Amino acid sequence: MGEREPHGVDRIGHFEYLLVGGSPEPSSAALVRKLAAQSERVIAIDRGAEILETAGVAPWAYVGDSDSVGAEARAWAEDRSSFELLRPSHKDQTDLALALDVVAERAVSPRSSICRVTCVTGGRLDHQLGVIGTLVSHAELQPVIVEDAFSAWLLAPEARRGVSFGEEEVGKTLSVLALESDTVVSEHGFTWDLDHHALEALSDLGVSNVIERARATVSCERGRCLVVLNERV
């Protein structure tokens, strides 16, 4: 599945950073290898080093407090990394936030580059919500979550404003969740379309829509929203 840009333009393939988290229920090694092959730089986030070692993908950087990674995987990642950012476990930021700060400082052009994140949503609900909140605070990096079961785009007017879908996504289920009150979105090409419609935070109005035609689009005119494309029924 390729990256989708606003205004109905599909961009397949290359992106700048892949961040691999340490979810206790990670996505497959095959997906990690596929995403890594499309990236310039791969960042291991703490236990993400174990996932990368299993996938046979060497990281460009290792970031974290080493509170969840095994000693062998940490040594493996450090030996292969060109950059490290280590912090104590008693800190005010999550390891994901640290990794996003690295991307923000080093990205060639944050507003036009793609930052994908994987292996960050399986397991604990509190971690999942924390991941989304952290990505909201880094909307300028245009983050996309990619897991085996779904992909999710963070939309904001000043960053990635929209996402479009091709023929291969027709018939798939998609949800749009507002992350701020009075978020305004438009959806065209779905079973239920919306036109400049205001959504309250976490409203269920945008849940479980269906893509009906190629070039279906979702755009965010105000606020923040998360667009979730389900790859499995």
C-alpha atoms as a PDB file:
ATOM      1  CA  MET A   1       0.000   0.000   0.000  1.00  0.00           C
ATOM      2  CA  GLY A   2       1.438   3.363  -0.989  1.00  0.00           C
ATOM      3  CA  GLU A   3       1.475   6.710   0.737  1.00  0.00           C
ATOM      4  CA  ARG A   4      -1.449   8.953  -0.091  1.00  0.00           C
ATOM      5  CA  GLU A   5      -1.104  12.666  -0.342  1.00  0.00           C
ATOM      6  CA  PRO A   6      -3.843  15.327  -0.328  1.00  0.00           C
ATOM      7  CA  HIS A   7      -5.773  16.308  -3.454  1.00  0.00           C
ATOM      8  CA  GLY A   8      -6.020  12.772  -4.852  1.00  0.00           C
ATOM      9  CA  VAL A   9      -2.319  12.191  -5.477  1.00  0.00           C
ATOM     10  CA  ASP A  10      -0.919   8.779  -4.549  1.00  0.00           C
ATOM     11  CA  ARG A  11       2.785   8.638  -3.681  1.00  0.00           C
ATOM     12  CA  ILE A  12       4.115   5.109  -3.538  1.00  0.00           C
ATOM     13  CA  GLY A  13       7.293   4.007  -1.864  1.00  0.00           C
ATOM     14  CA  HIS A  14      10.033   6.180  -0.467  1.00  0.00           C
ATOM     15  CA  PHE A  15       9.906   8.034   2.846  1.00  0.00           C
ATOM     16  CA  GLU A  16      12.461   9.466   5.208  1.00  0.00           C
ATOM     17  CA  TYR A  17      12.095   7.828   8.626  1.00  0.00           C
ATOM     18  CA  LEU A  18      10.687   4.577  10.003  1.00  0.00           C
ATOM     19  CA  LEU A  19      10.205   4.414  13.765  1.00  0.00           C
ATOM     20  CA  VAL A  20       9.900   0.892  15.189  1.00  0.00           C
ATOM     21  CA  GLY A  21       8.394   0.708  18.657  1.00  0.00           C
ATOM     22  CA  GLY A  22       8.445  -2.074  21.202  1.00  0.00           C
ATOM     23  CA  SER A  23       4.808  -3.141  21.286  1.00  0.00           C
ATOM     24  CA  PRO A  24       4.210  -6.433  23.128  1.00  0.00           C
ATOM     25  CA  GLU A  25       2.024  -7.370  20.149  1.00  0.00           C
ATOM     26  CA  PRO A  26       4.177  -6.160  17.228  1.00  0.00           C
ATOM     27  CA  SER A  27       3.367  -6.300  13.560  1.00  0.00           C
ATOM     28  CA  SER A  28       5.013  -8.985  11.454  1.00  0.00           C
ATOM     29  CA  ALA A  29       8.693  -9.128  10.585  1.00  0.00           C
ATOM     30  CA  ALA A  30       7.642  -9.138   6.929  1.00  0.00           C
ATOM     31  CA  LEU A  31       5.910  -5.765   7.305  1.00  0.00           C
ATOM     32  CA  VAL A  32       8.874  -4.311   9.203  1.00  0.00           C
ATOM     33  CA  ARG A  33      11.251  -5.436   6.440  1.00  0.00           C
ATOM     34  CA  LYS A  34       8.965  -3.968   3.756  1.00  0.00           C
ATOM     35  CA  LEU A  35       8.721  -0.598   5.495  1.00  0.00           C
ATOM     36  CA  ALA A  36      12.451  -0.518   6.229  1.00  0.00           C
ATOM     37  CA  ALA A  37      13.247  -1.153   2.556  1.00  0.00           C
ATOM     38  CA  GLN A  38      11.260   1.990   1.690  1.00  0.00           C
ATOM     39  CA  SER A  39      12.970   4.224   4.260  1.00  0.00           C
ATOM     40  CA  GLU A  40      16.169   6.211   4.429  1.00  0.00           C
ATOM     41  CA  ARG A  41      16.630   5.765   8.170  1.00  0.00           C
ATOM     42  CA  VAL A  42      15.239   3.281  10.681  1.00  0.00           C
ATOM     43  CA  ILE A  43      15.032   4.167  14.374  1.00  0.00           C
ATOM     44  CA  ALA A  44      14.792   1.441  17.017  1.00  0.00           C
ATOM     45  CA  ILE A  45      12.722   2.650  19.968  1.00  0.00           C
ATOM     46  CA  ASP A  46      13.784   0.702  23.057  1.00  0.00           C
ATOM     47  CA  ARG A  47      12.336  -2.842  22.675  1.00  0.00           C
ATOM     48  CA  GLY A  48      11.928  -2.073  18.989  1.00  0.00           C
ATOM     49  CA  ALA A  49      15.536  -3.251  18.765  1.00  0.00           C
ATOM     50  CA  GLU A  50      14.325  -6.803  19.426  1.00  0.00           C
ATOM     51  CA  ILE A  51      11.752  -6.537  16.644  1.00  0.00           C
ATOM     52  CA  LEU A  52      14.359  -5.215  14.218  1.00  0.00           C
ATOM     53  CA  GLU A  53      16.830  -7.933  15.160  1.00  0.00           C
ATOM     54  CA  THR A  54      14.180 -10.581  14.498  1.00  0.00           C
ATOM     55  CA  ALA A  55      13.394  -8.960  11.141  1.00  0.00           C
ATOM     56  CA  GLY A  56      17.089  -8.709  10.247  1.00  0.00           C
ATOM     57  CA  VAL A  57      16.950  -4.925   9.814  1.00  0.00           C
ATOM     58  CA  ALA A  58      19.847  -2.854  11.189  1.00  0.00           C
ATOM     59  CA  PRO A  59      18.790   0.471  12.731  1.00  0.00           C
ATOM     60  CA  TRP A  60      20.290   3.834  11.910  1.00  0.00           C
ATOM     61  CA  ALA A  61      19.604   4.968  15.483  1.00  0.00           C
ATOM     62  CA  TYR A  62      18.728   3.532  18.869  1.00  0.00           C
ATOM     63  CA  VAL A  63      16.553   5.707  21.133  1.00  0.00           C
ATOM     64  CA  GLY A  64      15.165   4.976  24.574  1.00  0.00           C
ATOM     65  CA  ASP A  65      15.759   4.292  28.244  1.00  0.00           C
ATOM     66  CA  SER A  66      16.452   0.555  27.851  1.00  0.00           C
ATOM     67  CA  ASP A  67      13.839  -0.418  30.431  1.00  0.00           C
ATOM     68  CA  SER A  68      12.125  -3.004  28.220  1.00  0.00           C
ATOM     69  CA  VAL A  69      14.770  -4.222  25.768  1.00  0.00           C
ATOM     70  CA  GLY A  70      16.944  -7.263  26.405  1.00  0.00           C
ATOM     71  CA  ALA A  71      20.673  -6.747  26.852  1.00  0.00           C
ATOM     72  CA  GLU A  72      21.542  -8.798  23.773  1.00  0.00           C
ATOM     73  CA  ALA A  73      19.203  -6.892  21.455  1.00  0.00           C
ATOM     74  CA  ARG A  74      20.329  -3.558  22.877  1.00  0.00           C
ATOM     75  CA  ALA A  75      23.979  -4.441  22.246  1.00  0.00           C
ATOM     76  CA  TRP A  76      23.066  -5.611  18.733  1.00  0.00           C
ATOM     77  CA  ALA A  77      21.305  -2.307  17.980  1.00  0.00           C
ATOM     78  CA  GLU A  78      24.042  -0.143  19.501  1.00  0.00           C
ATOM     79  CA  ASP A  79      26.724  -1.940  17.499  1.00  0.00           C
ATOM     80  CA  ARG A  80      24.874  -1.178  14.263  1.00  0.00           C
ATOM     81  CA  SER A  81      23.585   2.321  14.990  1.00  0.00           C
ATOM     82  CA  SER A  82      25.176   5.523  13.789  1.00  0.00           C
ATOM     83  CA  PHE A  83      23.338   7.568  16.398  1.00  0.00           C
ATOM     84  CA  GLU A  84      22.127   6.952  19.947  1.00  0.00           C
ATOM     85  CA  LEU A  85      19.917   8.903  22.312  1.00  0.00           C
ATOM     86  CA  LEU A  86      19.788   7.315  25.759  1.00  0.00           C
ATOM     87  CA  ARG A  87      17.742   8.660  28.655  1.00  0.00           C
ATOM     88  CA  PRO A  88      17.034   7.462  32.214  1.00  0.00           C
ATOM     89  CA  SER A  89      13.774   5.630  32.782  1.00  0.00           C
ATOM     90  CA  HIS A  90      12.568   8.371  35.155  1.00  0.00           C
ATOM     91  CA  LYS A  91      11.774  11.059  32.595  1.00  0.00           C
ATOM     92  CA  ASP A  92       8.889  13.229  31.429  1.00  0.00           C
ATOM     93  CA  GLN A  93       8.812  11.941  27.825  1.00  0.00           C
ATOM     94  CA  THR A  94       8.015   8.568  26.349  1.00  0.00           C
ATOM     95  CA  ASP A  95      10.604   6.867  24.170  1.00  0.00           C
ATOM     96  CA  LEU A  96       8.392   7.544  21.134  1.00  0.00           C
ATOM     97  CA  ALA A  97       8.428  11.267  21.903  1.00  0.00           C
ATOM     98  CA  LEU A  98      12.225  11.179  22.081  1.00  0.00           C
ATOM     99  CA  ALA A  99      12.392   9.467  18.694  1.00  0.00           C
ATOM    100  CA  LEU A 100      10.031  12.011  17.141  1.00  0.00           C
ATOM    101  CA  ASP A 101      12.212  14.807  18.513  1.00  0.00           C
ATOM    102  CA  VAL A 102      15.166  13.207  16.717  1.00  0.00           C
ATOM    103  CA  VAL A 103      13.184  13.201  13.473  1.00  0.00           C
ATOM    104  CA  ALA A 104      12.088  16.816  13.974  1.00  0.00           C
ATOM    105  CA  GLU A 105      15.690  17.924  14.476  1.00  0.00           C
ATOM    106  CA  ARG A 106      17.126  16.004  11.549  1.00  0.00           C
ATOM    107  CA  ALA A 107      14.404  15.721   8.899  1.00  0.00           C
ATOM    108  CA  VAL A 108      15.398  17.387   5.635  1.00  0.00           C
ATOM    109  CA  SER A 109      12.002  19.017   5.228  1.00  0.00           C
ATOM    110  CA  PRO A 110       9.521  18.027   7.965  1.00  0.00           C
ATOM    111  CA  ARG A 111       6.456  19.417   6.219  1.00  0.00           C
ATOM    112  CA  SER A 112       7.077  17.435   3.039  1.00  0.00           C
ATOM    113  CA  SER A 113       8.689  14.262   4.393  1.00  0.00           C
ATOM    114  CA  ILE A 114       6.948  11.123   5.546  1.00  0.00           C
ATOM    115  CA  CYS A 115       7.427   9.655   9.007  1.00  0.00           C
ATOM    116  CA  ARG A 116       6.016   6.150   9.483  1.00  0.00           C
ATOM    117  CA  VAL A 117       5.592   4.452  12.848  1.00  0.00           C
ATOM    118  CA  THR A 118       5.059   0.724  13.391  1.00  0.00           C
ATOM    119  CA  CYS A 119       4.845  -1.763  16.262  1.00  0.00           C
ATOM    120  CA  VAL A 120       3.353   0.846  18.610  1.00  0.00           C
ATOM    121  CA  THR A 121      -0.344  -0.023  19.051  1.00  0.00           C
ATOM    122  CA  GLY A 122      -0.573  -3.641  20.220  1.00  0.00           C
ATOM    123  CA  GLY A 123      -1.210  -4.541  23.835  1.00  0.00           C
ATOM    124  CA  ARG A 124      -2.149  -1.832  26.343  1.00  0.00           C
ATOM    125  CA  LEU A 125      -4.937   0.685  25.742  1.00  0.00           C
ATOM    126  CA  ASP A 126      -3.170   3.406  27.736  1.00  0.00           C
ATOM    127  CA  HIS A 127      -0.091   3.037  25.535  1.00  0.00           C
ATOM    128  CA  GLN A 128      -2.217   3.186  22.385  1.00  0.00           C
ATOM    129  CA  LEU A 129      -3.874   6.423  23.472  1.00  0.00           C
ATOM    130  CA  GLY A 130      -0.525   7.850  24.536  1.00  0.00           C
ATOM    131  CA  VAL A 131       0.916   7.057  21.099  1.00  0.00           C
ATOM    132  CA  ILE A 132      -1.888   8.958  19.370  1.00  0.00           C
ATOM    133  CA  GLY A 133      -1.502  11.921  21.714  1.00  0.00           C
ATOM    134  CA  THR A 134       2.244  12.010  21.088  1.00  0.00           C
ATOM    135  CA  LEU A 135       1.722  11.951  17.322  1.00  0.00           C
ATOM    136  CA  VAL A 136      -0.797  14.815  17.602  1.00  0.00           C
ATOM    137  CA  SER A 137       1.913  16.953  19.195  1.00  0.00           C
ATOM    138  CA  HIS A 138       4.174  16.171  16.198  1.00  0.00           C
ATOM    139  CA  ALA A 139       1.604  16.707  13.438  1.00  0.00           C
ATOM    140  CA  GLU A 140       4.135  18.688  11.389  1.00  0.00           C
ATOM    141  CA  LEU A 141       6.035  15.437  10.758  1.00  0.00           C
ATOM    142  CA  GLN A 142       2.978  13.995   8.972  1.00  0.00           C
ATOM    143  CA  PRO A 143       3.131  10.713  10.912  1.00  0.00           C
ATOM    144  CA  VAL A 144       1.457   7.560   9.620  1.00  0.00           C
ATOM    145  CA  ILE A 145       0.930   4.463  11.758  1.00  0.00           C
ATOM    146  CA  VAL A 146       1.318   1.248   9.749  1.00  0.00           C
ATOM    147  CA  GLU A 147       0.490  -2.127  11.287  1.00  0.00           C
ATOM    148  CA  ASP A 148      -0.561  -5.431   9.731  1.00  0.00           C
ATOM    149  CA  ALA A 149      -4.243  -4.859  10.503  1.00  0.00           C
ATOM    150  CA  PHE A 150      -4.553  -1.157   9.695  1.00  0.00           C
ATOM    151  CA  SER A 151      -2.947   2.095   8.627  1.00  0.00           C
ATOM    152  CA  ALA A 152      -3.742   5.451  10.265  1.00  0.00           C
ATOM    153  CA  TRP A 153      -3.032   8.995   9.100  1.00  0.00           C
ATOM    154  CA  LEU A 154      -2.962  12.034  11.373  1.00  0.00           C
ATOM    155  CA  LEU A 155      -4.564  14.966   9.539  1.00  0.00           C
ATOM    156  CA  ALA A 156      -4.219  18.643  10.420  1.00  0.00           C
ATOM    157  CA  PRO A 157      -4.682  21.737   8.211  1.00  0.00           C
ATOM    158  CA  GLU A 158      -1.130  23.007   8.721  1.00  0.00           C
ATOM    159  CA  ALA A 159       0.494  19.647   8.029  1.00  0.00           C
ATOM    160  CA  ARG A 160      -1.029  16.697   6.152  1.00  0.00           C
ATOM    161  CA  ARG A 161      -4.465  18.022   5.214  1.00  0.00           C
ATOM    162  CA  GLY A 162      -5.892  15.002   3.451  1.00  0.00           C
ATOM    163  CA  VAL A 163      -5.582  11.440   2.261  1.00  0.00           C
ATOM    164  CA  SER A 164      -6.984   9.663  -0.804  1.00  0.00           C
ATOM    165  CA  PHE A 165      -7.498   6.014  -1.689  1.00  0.00           C
ATOM    166  CA  GLY A 166      -7.117   3.927  -4.834  1.00  0.00           C
ATOM    167  CA  GLU A 167      -8.995   1.121  -6.530  1.00  0.00           C
ATOM    168  CA  GLU A 168      -7.415  -1.494  -4.264  1.00  0.00           C
ATOM    169  CA  GLU A 169      -9.070   0.052  -1.199  1.00  0.00           C
ATOM    170  CA  VAL A 170     -12.633   0.068  -2.586  1.00  0.00           C
ATOM    171  CA  GLY A 171     -14.868  -1.914  -0.242  1.00  0.00           C
ATOM    172  CA  LYS A 172     -12.610  -1.497   2.785  1.00  0.00           C
ATOM    173  CA  THR A 173     -13.790  -0.031   6.080  1.00  0.00           C
ATOM    174  CA  LEU A 174     -12.507   3.353   7.174  1.00  0.00           C
ATOM    175  CA  SER A 175     -13.086   5.466  10.267  1.00  0.00           C
ATOM    176  CA  VAL A 176     -12.453   9.154  10.912  1.00  0.00           C
ATOM    177  CA  LEU A 177     -12.039  10.140  14.553  1.00  0.00           C
ATOM    178  CA  ALA A 178     -11.825  13.776  15.637  1.00  0.00           C
ATOM    179  CA  LEU A 179      -9.056  14.346  18.174  1.00  0.00           C
ATOM    180  CA  GLU A 180     -10.100  17.893  19.077  1.00  0.00           C
ATOM    181  CA  SER A 181     -13.520  19.444  19.657  1.00  0.00           C
ATOM    182  CA  ASP A 182     -15.071  21.190  16.650  1.00  0.00           C
ATOM    183  CA  THR A 183     -12.837  19.434  14.144  1.00  0.00           C
ATOM    184  CA  VAL A 184     -14.127  20.013  10.607  1.00  0.00           C
ATOM    185  CA  VAL A 185     -13.795  17.241   8.006  1.00  0.00           C
ATOM    186  CA  SER A 186     -14.994  16.338   4.534  1.00  0.00           C
ATOM    187  CA  GLU A 187     -15.373  12.810   3.161  1.00  0.00           C
ATOM    188  CA  HIS A 188     -16.150  12.084  -0.494  1.00  0.00           C
ATOM    189  CA  GLY A 189     -16.429   8.730  -2.241  1.00  0.00           C
ATOM    190  CA  PHE A 190     -17.781   6.801   0.735  1.00  0.00           C
ATOM    191  CA  THR A 191     -21.074   5.161   1.632  1.00  0.00           C
ATOM    192  CA  TRP A 192     -21.724   8.146   3.910  1.00  0.00           C
ATOM    193  CA  ASP A 193     -20.147  11.405   2.753  1.00  0.00           C
ATOM    194  CA  LEU A 194     -19.582  14.502   4.858  1.00  0.00           C
ATOM    195  CA  ASP A 195     -19.136  18.065   3.591  1.00  0.00           C
ATOM    196  CA  HIS A 196     -17.302  20.474   5.911  1.00  0.00           C
ATOM    197  CA  HIS A 197     -18.878  18.745   8.869  1.00  0.00           C
ATOM    198  CA  ALA A 198     -17.963  19.575  12.467  1.00  0.00           C
ATOM    199  CA  LEU A 199     -17.138  16.582  14.682  1.00  0.00           C
ATOM    200  CA  GLU A 200     -16.723  16.586  18.424  1.00  0.00           C
ATOM    201  CA  ALA A 201     -13.714  14.845  19.913  1.00  0.00           C
ATOM    202  CA  LEU A 202     -13.970  11.051  19.579  1.00  0.00           C
ATOM    203  CA  SER A 203     -17.467  11.294  18.099  1.00  0.00           C
ATOM    204  CA  ASP A 204     -18.690   7.989  16.634  1.00  0.00           C
ATOM    205  CA  LEU A 205     -20.232   9.673  13.584  1.00  0.00           C
ATOM    206  CA  GLY A 206     -17.194   8.894  11.434  1.00  0.00           C
ATOM    207  CA  VAL A 207     -16.776   5.279  12.541  1.00  0.00           C
ATOM    208  CA  SER A 208     -17.041   2.320  10.118  1.00  0.00           C
ATOM    209  CA  ASN A 209     -17.593   4.063   6.816  1.00  0.00           C
ATOM    210  CA  VAL A 210     -16.975   2.168   3.555  1.00  0.00           C
ATOM    211  CA  ILE A 211     -14.899   3.269   0.548  1.00  0.00           C
ATOM    212  CA  GLU A 212     -17.178   3.106  -2.510  1.00  0.00           C
ATOM    213  CA  ARG A 213     -14.973   4.387  -5.321  1.00  0.00           C
ATOM    214  CA  ALA A 214     -11.371   5.014  -6.256  1.00  0.00           C
ATOM    215  CA  ARG A 215     -10.026   8.469  -5.437  1.00  0.00           C
ATOM    216  CA  ALA A 216     -12.197   8.673  -2.328  1.00  0.00           C
ATOM    217  CA  THR A 217     -10.788  11.446  -0.128  1.00  0.00           C
ATOM    218  CA  VAL A 218     -10.813  12.605   3.467  1.00  0.00           C
ATOM    219  CA  SER A 219      -9.703  16.129   4.342  1.00  0.00           C
ATOM    220  CA  CYS A 220      -9.370  18.042   7.599  1.00  0.00           C
ATOM    221  CA  GLU A 221     -10.205  21.744   7.431  1.00  0.00           C
ATOM    222  CA  ARG A 222      -9.942  22.501  11.153  1.00  0.00           C
ATOM    223  CA  GLY A 223      -8.655  20.730  14.236  1.00  0.00           C
ATOM    224  CA  ARG A 224      -7.069  17.258  14.232  1.00  0.00           C
ATOM    225  CA  CYS A 225      -8.381  13.893  13.143  1.00  0.00           C
ATOM    226  CA  LEU A 226      -7.170  10.332  12.763  1.00  0.00           C
ATOM    227  CA  VAL A 227      -8.109   8.405   9.604  1.00  0.00           C
ATOM    228  CA  VAL A 228      -7.984   4.640  10.135  1.00  0.00           C
ATOM    229  CA  LEU A 229      -8.066   2.232   7.180  1.00  0.00           C
ATOM    230  CA  ASN A 230      -8.764  -1.330   8.251  1.00  0.00           C
ATOM    231  CA  GLU A 231      -6.909  -3.981   6.268  1.00  0.00           C
ATOM    232  CA  ARG A 232      -8.813  -6.827   7.941  1.00  0.00           C
ATOM    233  CA  VAL A 233     -12.527  -7.343   8.490  1.00  0.00           C
END
